[in-house]
Protein backbone atom coordinates (compact mmCIF):
# COMPACT_ATOMS: atom_id res chain seq x y z
CA MET A 1 -18.10 14.65 -16.64
CA LEU A 2 -20.73 12.01 -14.85
CA GLY A 3 -21.18 10.26 -18.53
CA PHE A 4 -17.34 9.55 -17.79
CA VAL A 5 -17.72 8.08 -14.38
CA TYR A 6 -20.76 6.48 -15.37
CA ARG A 7 -18.79 4.54 -17.91
CA ARG A 8 -15.77 4.02 -15.48
CA LEU A 9 -18.00 2.32 -12.96
CA LEU A 10 -19.22 0.14 -15.65
CA TYR A 11 -15.95 -1.08 -16.87
CA MET A 12 -14.93 -1.97 -13.16
CA ILE A 13 -17.24 -4.71 -13.08
CA PRO A 14 -15.63 -7.04 -15.46
CA THR A 15 -12.02 -5.59 -14.80
CA VAL A 16 -12.68 -7.10 -10.94
CA VAL A 17 -13.99 -9.98 -12.01
CA LEU A 18 -11.79 -10.87 -14.88
CA VAL A 19 -8.60 -9.74 -12.08
CA SER A 20 -10.32 -11.93 -9.61
CA VAL A 21 -10.54 -14.85 -11.97
CA VAL A 22 -6.92 -14.83 -13.07
CA THR A 23 -5.79 -14.16 -9.52
CA PHE A 24 -8.33 -17.22 -8.10
CA LEU A 25 -6.16 -19.27 -11.36
CA ILE A 26 -2.57 -18.43 -10.49
CA ILE A 27 -2.80 -19.38 -6.75
CA GLN A 28 -3.58 -22.51 -7.81
CA LEU A 29 -1.42 -22.57 -10.54
CA PRO A 30 1.19 -24.29 -7.99
CA PRO A 31 1.14 -27.98 -8.00
CA GLY A 32 -0.48 -29.53 -4.73
CA ASP A 33 -2.68 -27.41 -2.06
CA TYR A 34 -2.94 -25.88 0.97
CA LEU A 35 -3.51 -29.83 2.42
CA ASP A 36 0.09 -30.82 1.00
CA THR A 37 1.85 -27.68 1.74
CA LEU A 38 0.72 -28.66 5.85
CA ALA A 39 2.04 -32.11 4.95
CA ALA A 40 4.88 -30.68 4.27
CA GLU A 41 4.78 -29.23 7.56
CA LEU A 42 3.93 -31.99 9.78
CA SER A 43 6.87 -34.17 8.14
CA ASP A 44 8.84 -34.44 10.90
CA SER A 45 6.02 -35.43 13.03
CA GLY A 46 4.33 -37.88 10.97
CA GLY A 47 2.77 -35.82 8.22
CA LEU A 48 -1.51 -36.40 7.66
CA ASP A 49 -2.69 -39.35 6.50
CA GLU A 50 -4.46 -40.01 3.29
CA GLY A 51 -7.76 -40.30 5.11
CA THR A 52 -7.89 -37.29 7.21
CA LYS A 53 -6.41 -35.60 3.97
CA GLU A 54 -9.25 -36.79 2.44
CA ALA A 55 -11.67 -35.93 4.76
CA LEU A 56 -10.26 -32.12 5.10
CA ARG A 57 -10.08 -31.84 1.09
CA VAL A 58 -13.76 -32.87 1.29
CA ARG A 59 -14.77 -30.53 3.91
CA TYR A 60 -12.94 -27.35 2.14
CA GLY A 61 -14.37 -28.54 -1.35
CA LEU A 62 -10.27 -28.66 -2.46
CA GLY A 63 -11.05 -31.72 -4.75
CA GLU A 64 -13.61 -29.93 -6.93
CA PRO A 65 -13.05 -28.16 -10.02
CA PHE A 66 -11.52 -24.80 -10.34
CA PHE A 67 -14.67 -23.16 -11.70
CA VAL A 68 -16.81 -24.76 -8.88
CA GLN A 69 -14.29 -23.83 -6.52
CA TYR A 70 -14.12 -19.95 -7.74
CA TRP A 71 -17.84 -19.73 -7.74
CA LYS A 72 -18.14 -20.74 -4.33
CA TRP A 73 -16.28 -18.20 -3.85
CA ILE A 74 -16.98 -15.44 -5.45
CA SER A 75 -20.84 -15.97 -4.93
CA GLY A 76 -20.35 -15.78 -1.48
CA ILE A 77 -18.78 -12.81 -1.20
CA VAL A 78 -21.08 -10.88 -3.99
CA PHE A 79 -24.56 -12.36 -2.18
CA HIS A 80 -23.40 -12.56 1.16
CA GLY A 81 -20.31 -10.61 1.92
CA ASP A 82 -18.84 -14.11 2.77
CA PHE A 83 -15.16 -14.04 2.39
CA GLY A 84 -14.99 -17.65 2.95
CA MET A 85 -12.41 -19.82 5.36
CA SER A 86 -9.09 -19.40 6.00
CA PHE A 87 -7.49 -23.24 5.52
CA GLU A 88 -4.42 -22.66 7.85
CA LYS A 89 -6.49 -20.44 10.78
CA ASN A 90 -10.14 -22.28 10.40
CA LEU A 91 -11.36 -19.09 10.95
CA PRO A 92 -13.97 -16.79 8.43
CA VAL A 93 -11.33 -14.33 6.26
CA GLY A 94 -13.44 -11.71 6.88
CA ASP A 95 -12.69 -11.72 10.45
CA LEU A 96 -8.70 -12.07 9.84
CA ILE A 97 -8.79 -9.25 7.31
CA TRP A 98 -10.69 -6.48 9.10
CA ASP A 99 -8.36 -7.43 12.24
CA ARG A 100 -5.63 -5.68 10.29
CA LEU A 101 -7.27 -3.62 7.95
CA GLY A 102 -7.36 -0.71 10.76
CA TRP A 103 -3.24 -0.88 11.14
CA THR A 104 -2.62 -1.33 7.91
CA PHE A 105 -4.49 1.94 6.70
CA ALA A 106 -3.84 3.76 9.65
CA ILE A 107 0.47 3.95 8.93
CA SER A 108 -0.44 3.99 4.83
CA LEU A 109 -2.25 6.98 5.53
CA LEU A 110 0.24 8.50 7.69
CA THR A 111 3.10 7.41 5.65
CA LEU A 112 0.97 9.34 2.56
CA LEU A 113 1.02 12.60 4.22
CA PHE A 114 4.51 12.42 5.53
CA ILE A 115 5.76 11.65 1.87
CA TRP A 116 3.20 14.85 0.83
CA ALA A 117 4.66 16.89 3.95
CA VAL A 118 8.26 16.35 3.29
CA ALA A 119 8.47 16.12 -1.09
CA LEU A 120 6.55 19.14 -1.87
CA PRO A 121 8.29 21.69 0.11
CA ILE A 122 11.51 20.14 -0.79
CA GLY A 123 10.68 19.56 -4.68
CA ILE A 124 9.52 23.25 -4.37
CA TYR A 125 12.48 24.83 -2.88
CA SER A 126 15.18 22.57 -5.38
CA ALA A 127 13.67 24.02 -8.14
CA VAL A 128 13.20 27.26 -7.07
CA LYS A 129 17.01 27.36 -5.84
CA LYS A 130 18.26 25.16 -8.88
CA TYR A 131 21.61 24.51 -8.16
CA SER A 132 22.28 25.69 -4.68
CA PHE A 133 23.48 23.62 -1.71
CA GLY A 134 20.39 23.17 -0.45
CA ASP A 135 19.65 21.87 -4.13
CA TYR A 136 22.03 19.61 -4.38
CA ALA A 137 21.73 18.11 -0.34
CA ALA A 138 18.40 17.77 -1.48
CA THR A 139 19.61 15.89 -4.71
CA PHE A 140 21.55 13.78 -2.84
CA PHE A 141 19.80 12.27 0.19
CA GLY A 142 17.05 11.91 -2.33
CA PHE A 143 19.53 9.64 -4.61
CA ILE A 144 20.61 8.28 -1.09
CA GLY A 145 16.64 7.61 -0.34
CA LEU A 146 15.83 5.78 -3.94
CA ALA A 147 18.68 3.74 -3.50
CA VAL A 148 18.77 2.38 0.11
CA PRO A 149 16.36 -0.90 0.32
CA ASN A 150 13.57 0.17 2.40
CA PHE A 151 14.28 -3.15 4.28
CA LEU A 152 17.60 -2.68 4.99
CA LEU A 153 16.94 1.08 6.68
CA ALA A 154 14.96 -0.97 8.74
CA LEU A 155 16.97 -3.47 10.18
CA VAL A 156 19.63 -0.34 10.49
CA MET A 157 17.39 2.25 12.58
CA MET A 158 16.21 -1.07 14.49
CA TYR A 159 19.27 -1.68 15.58
CA VAL A 160 20.44 2.26 16.25
CA ALA A 161 17.14 2.13 18.24
CA PHE A 162 18.02 -0.78 20.52
CA LYS A 163 21.30 -0.22 21.31
CA TYR A 164 21.45 2.89 21.56
CA PHE A 165 18.56 4.12 23.14
CA GLY A 166 17.21 0.95 24.74
CA GLN A 167 13.69 1.00 22.73
CA SER A 168 11.93 -2.27 22.23
CA VAL A 169 12.04 -3.12 18.30
CA GLY A 170 9.30 -4.86 16.09
CA GLY A 171 5.47 -4.43 16.52
CA LEU A 172 4.12 -0.89 17.01
CA VAL A 173 3.65 -0.97 20.86
CA SER A 174 6.28 -2.59 24.10
CA PRO A 175 5.82 -6.15 24.77
CA GLU A 176 4.02 -5.33 28.34
CA PHE A 177 1.33 -3.15 26.04
CA ILE A 178 0.33 -6.06 23.64
CA GLY A 179 -2.99 -7.53 24.38
CA GLU A 180 -3.88 -4.65 27.07
CA PRO A 181 -6.59 -2.03 26.79
CA TRP A 182 -5.95 1.72 25.58
CA THR A 183 -4.40 3.79 27.68
CA THR A 184 -2.32 7.10 27.83
CA GLU A 185 0.33 5.30 28.78
CA LYS A 186 -0.25 2.63 25.51
CA PHE A 187 -1.07 4.97 22.95
CA VAL A 188 2.55 7.40 24.17
CA ASP A 189 4.36 4.22 23.78
CA LEU A 190 2.53 3.38 20.26
CA LEU A 191 3.70 7.07 19.11
CA LYS A 192 7.13 6.00 20.27
CA HIS A 193 7.22 2.93 17.43
CA ILE A 194 4.92 4.34 15.07
CA TRP A 195 7.51 6.80 13.17
CA MET A 196 9.84 4.41 12.45
CA PRO A 197 8.08 2.27 9.92
CA ILE A 198 5.95 5.86 8.68
CA PHE A 199 9.67 6.70 7.83
CA VAL A 200 11.50 3.18 6.60
CA VAL A 201 8.37 3.25 3.96
CA GLY A 202 7.80 6.72 3.25
CA THR A 203 12.02 7.17 2.77
CA SER A 204 11.79 6.20 -1.20
CA GLY A 205 8.78 7.18 -1.96
CA ALA A 206 8.99 10.89 -0.88
CA ALA A 207 12.71 11.11 -2.90
CA ALA A 208 11.04 10.08 -5.90
CA LEU A 209 8.08 12.74 -5.78
CA ILE A 210 11.09 15.22 -4.68
CA ARG A 211 12.27 14.28 -8.11
CA ILE A 212 9.23 14.60 -10.06
CA MET A 213 8.12 17.48 -8.48
CA ARG A 214 11.61 19.41 -8.84
CA ALA A 215 11.95 18.34 -12.84
CA ASN A 216 7.55 19.35 -13.19
CA LEU A 217 8.19 22.65 -11.41
CA LEU A 218 11.53 23.53 -13.26
CA ASP A 219 9.28 22.53 -16.45
CA GLU A 220 6.86 25.29 -15.70
CA ILE A 221 8.67 28.32 -14.02
CA TYR A 222 9.79 29.65 -17.18
CA ARG A 223 6.78 29.64 -19.32
CA PRO A 224 5.57 32.48 -20.79
CA TYR A 225 2.73 32.78 -18.39
CA VAL A 226 4.58 33.15 -15.23
CA VAL A 227 6.89 35.90 -16.79
CA THR A 228 3.99 37.74 -17.60
CA ALA A 229 2.24 37.19 -14.31
CA ARG A 230 5.64 38.27 -12.36
CA ALA A 231 6.25 41.64 -14.96
CA LYS A 232 1.89 42.71 -13.83
CA GLY A 233 3.60 42.78 -10.65
CA MET A 234 2.25 39.58 -8.88
CA SER A 235 4.69 39.01 -5.63
CA GLU A 236 6.86 35.85 -6.21
CA PHE A 237 5.26 33.43 -3.36
CA GLN A 238 2.14 34.04 -4.71
CA LEU A 239 3.15 33.65 -8.24
CA LEU A 240 4.62 30.35 -7.42
CA MET A 241 1.87 28.96 -5.29
CA ARG A 242 -1.11 30.46 -7.67
CA TYR A 243 0.14 29.09 -10.78
CA PRO A 244 3.37 26.69 -11.54
CA VAL A 245 2.90 24.39 -8.19
CA ARG A 246 -0.73 23.84 -9.28
CA VAL A 247 0.14 22.81 -12.39
CA ALA A 248 3.34 20.24 -10.73
CA LEU A 249 1.23 18.94 -8.54
CA ASN A 250 -0.18 16.49 -10.94
CA PRO A 251 2.16 13.43 -9.78
CA PHE A 252 0.89 14.05 -6.21
CA ILE A 253 -2.87 14.23 -7.62
CA SER A 254 -1.90 10.99 -9.65
CA THR A 255 -0.36 8.62 -6.77
CA ILE A 256 -3.39 7.96 -5.89
CA GLY A 257 -4.33 5.45 -7.91
CA TRP A 258 -1.43 3.53 -6.54
CA ILE A 259 -1.90 4.68 -3.10
CA LEU A 260 -4.91 2.86 -2.37
CA PRO A 261 -4.15 -0.32 -2.95
CA THR A 262 -0.86 0.25 -1.02
CA LEU A 263 -3.24 0.28 1.71
CA VAL A 264 -3.84 -3.25 1.55
CA SER A 265 -0.82 -4.56 0.46
CA GLY A 266 1.80 -2.10 1.75
CA GLU A 267 5.21 -2.86 2.17
CA ILE A 268 5.36 -6.63 2.80
CA ILE A 269 9.10 -7.24 3.72
CA VAL A 270 9.10 -4.04 5.34
CA ALA A 271 6.51 -5.55 7.94
CA VAL A 272 7.86 -8.80 8.24
CA VAL A 273 10.95 -7.09 9.11
CA MET A 274 8.99 -4.64 11.82
CA ASN A 275 6.73 -7.37 12.79
CA LEU A 276 4.36 -4.91 11.69
CA PRO A 277 0.23 -6.32 12.36
CA THR A 278 -0.56 -5.22 9.12
CA THR A 279 -2.24 -7.20 6.05
CA GLY A 280 1.29 -7.61 4.49
CA PRO A 281 2.54 -10.56 5.99
CA MET A 282 -0.67 -12.02 5.97
CA LEU A 283 -1.01 -11.67 2.25
CA LEU A 284 2.56 -12.99 1.82
CA ARG A 285 1.90 -16.21 4.18
CA ALA A 286 -1.30 -17.21 2.62
CA LEU A 287 0.73 -17.21 -0.81
CA LEU A 288 2.93 -19.78 0.67
CA VAL A 289 0.63 -22.07 2.07
CA GLN A 290 -1.53 -21.90 -0.57
CA ASP A 291 -4.44 -20.47 1.22
CA MET A 292 -6.25 -19.47 -1.52
CA TYR A 293 -9.10 -17.62 0.24
CA LEU A 294 -7.60 -15.40 2.30
CA ALA A 295 -4.95 -15.00 -0.47
CA GLY A 296 -7.49 -14.16 -3.49
CA SER A 297 -9.59 -11.83 -1.31
CA LEU A 298 -6.77 -9.75 0.01
CA ILE A 299 -5.52 -9.41 -3.79
CA LEU A 300 -9.44 -8.70 -5.12
CA ILE A 301 -9.51 -6.18 -2.26
CA VAL A 302 -6.11 -4.67 -3.98
CA SER A 303 -7.47 -4.82 -7.53
CA LEU A 304 -10.46 -3.08 -6.79
CA LEU A 305 -8.29 -0.13 -4.74
CA THR A 306 -6.49 -0.06 -7.66
CA VAL A 307 -9.06 0.51 -10.36
CA LEU A 308 -11.17 2.78 -7.41
CA GLY A 309 -7.48 5.09 -6.69
CA THR A 310 -7.36 5.42 -10.24
CA LEU A 311 -10.62 7.11 -10.98
CA ILE A 312 -10.36 9.34 -8.30
CA SER A 313 -6.83 10.67 -9.06
CA ASP A 314 -8.92 10.76 -12.44
CA LEU A 315 -11.62 13.13 -11.23
CA LEU A 316 -8.49 15.44 -9.33
CA LEU A 317 -6.37 16.00 -12.08
CA ALA A 318 -9.82 17.07 -13.86
CA TRP A 319 -10.21 19.39 -11.08
CA ILE A 320 -6.75 20.79 -10.32
CA ASP A 321 -5.80 20.91 -13.76
CA PRO A 322 -8.36 22.76 -15.98
CA ARG A 323 -6.15 21.60 -18.99
CA ILE A 324 -8.15 18.15 -18.44
CA ARG A 325 -11.49 17.65 -19.19
CA TYR A 326 -13.34 14.33 -19.26
CA GLN A 327 -16.04 14.51 -21.40
């Protein structure tokens, strides 16, 4: 097992480097650069004169070859922990990212707990009570959750919350609490708002895992080992949780591979619609204006978390399922 972990950790290095190179290249593929985008946005007010644009291009190193810019960026990260400067914000990328990562992690982890808390019991019930009214109801709402886009669900819920309950929508706190120090009232106001993005983002994930859990459990509960354990007098609940459910949990564990990168990228459209202070809208804006150091740093973190998440899920699968062994 240790040999497997060492090999995977060594494989991570060239993988992340290759992803960072491809990411940096793709960001620069569209014609022009950040200064051209800025000049286009300022065109109504006269834009940028060529002298100013050239001075800024020299300052940011935009006139240098691709590999020079890439090496300046990646060496700063590796040797100094410096992710570079954001062109648009004129601030260090590290400061911009860390400001939003806290909220991104909090919302995503709570969403993951919501998905598991909903999908696990409903999926078990649907499999055990196959073709019952509850199974059909879970299937119906599961299909609705998969079919309805998250951003549309967000718009509907925001309209209902504002129209019928008078709740301020958009953001994680009411306008009067923005920028204010944390108090009990602000925390209570946060609880009134944060449940909505958790529910919206988690709906489709929970619906998908319900179907997966149901299908996997149906494959297991009729296996000979289950029949044998039942014949030996083991209680139904103990039998169910000890054997078939444990095997059917594999999809839940394997989701860690894509949950970790989701902590950073998140549901970008939902975050934009609901005005959430997460990294998703920041990444979208950075890509639109070709703020390459900010966009590249966010995508690099997503790539690193993807590799780490896959490794963690592989190790947990080997631990929870004795049929899986990595030698």
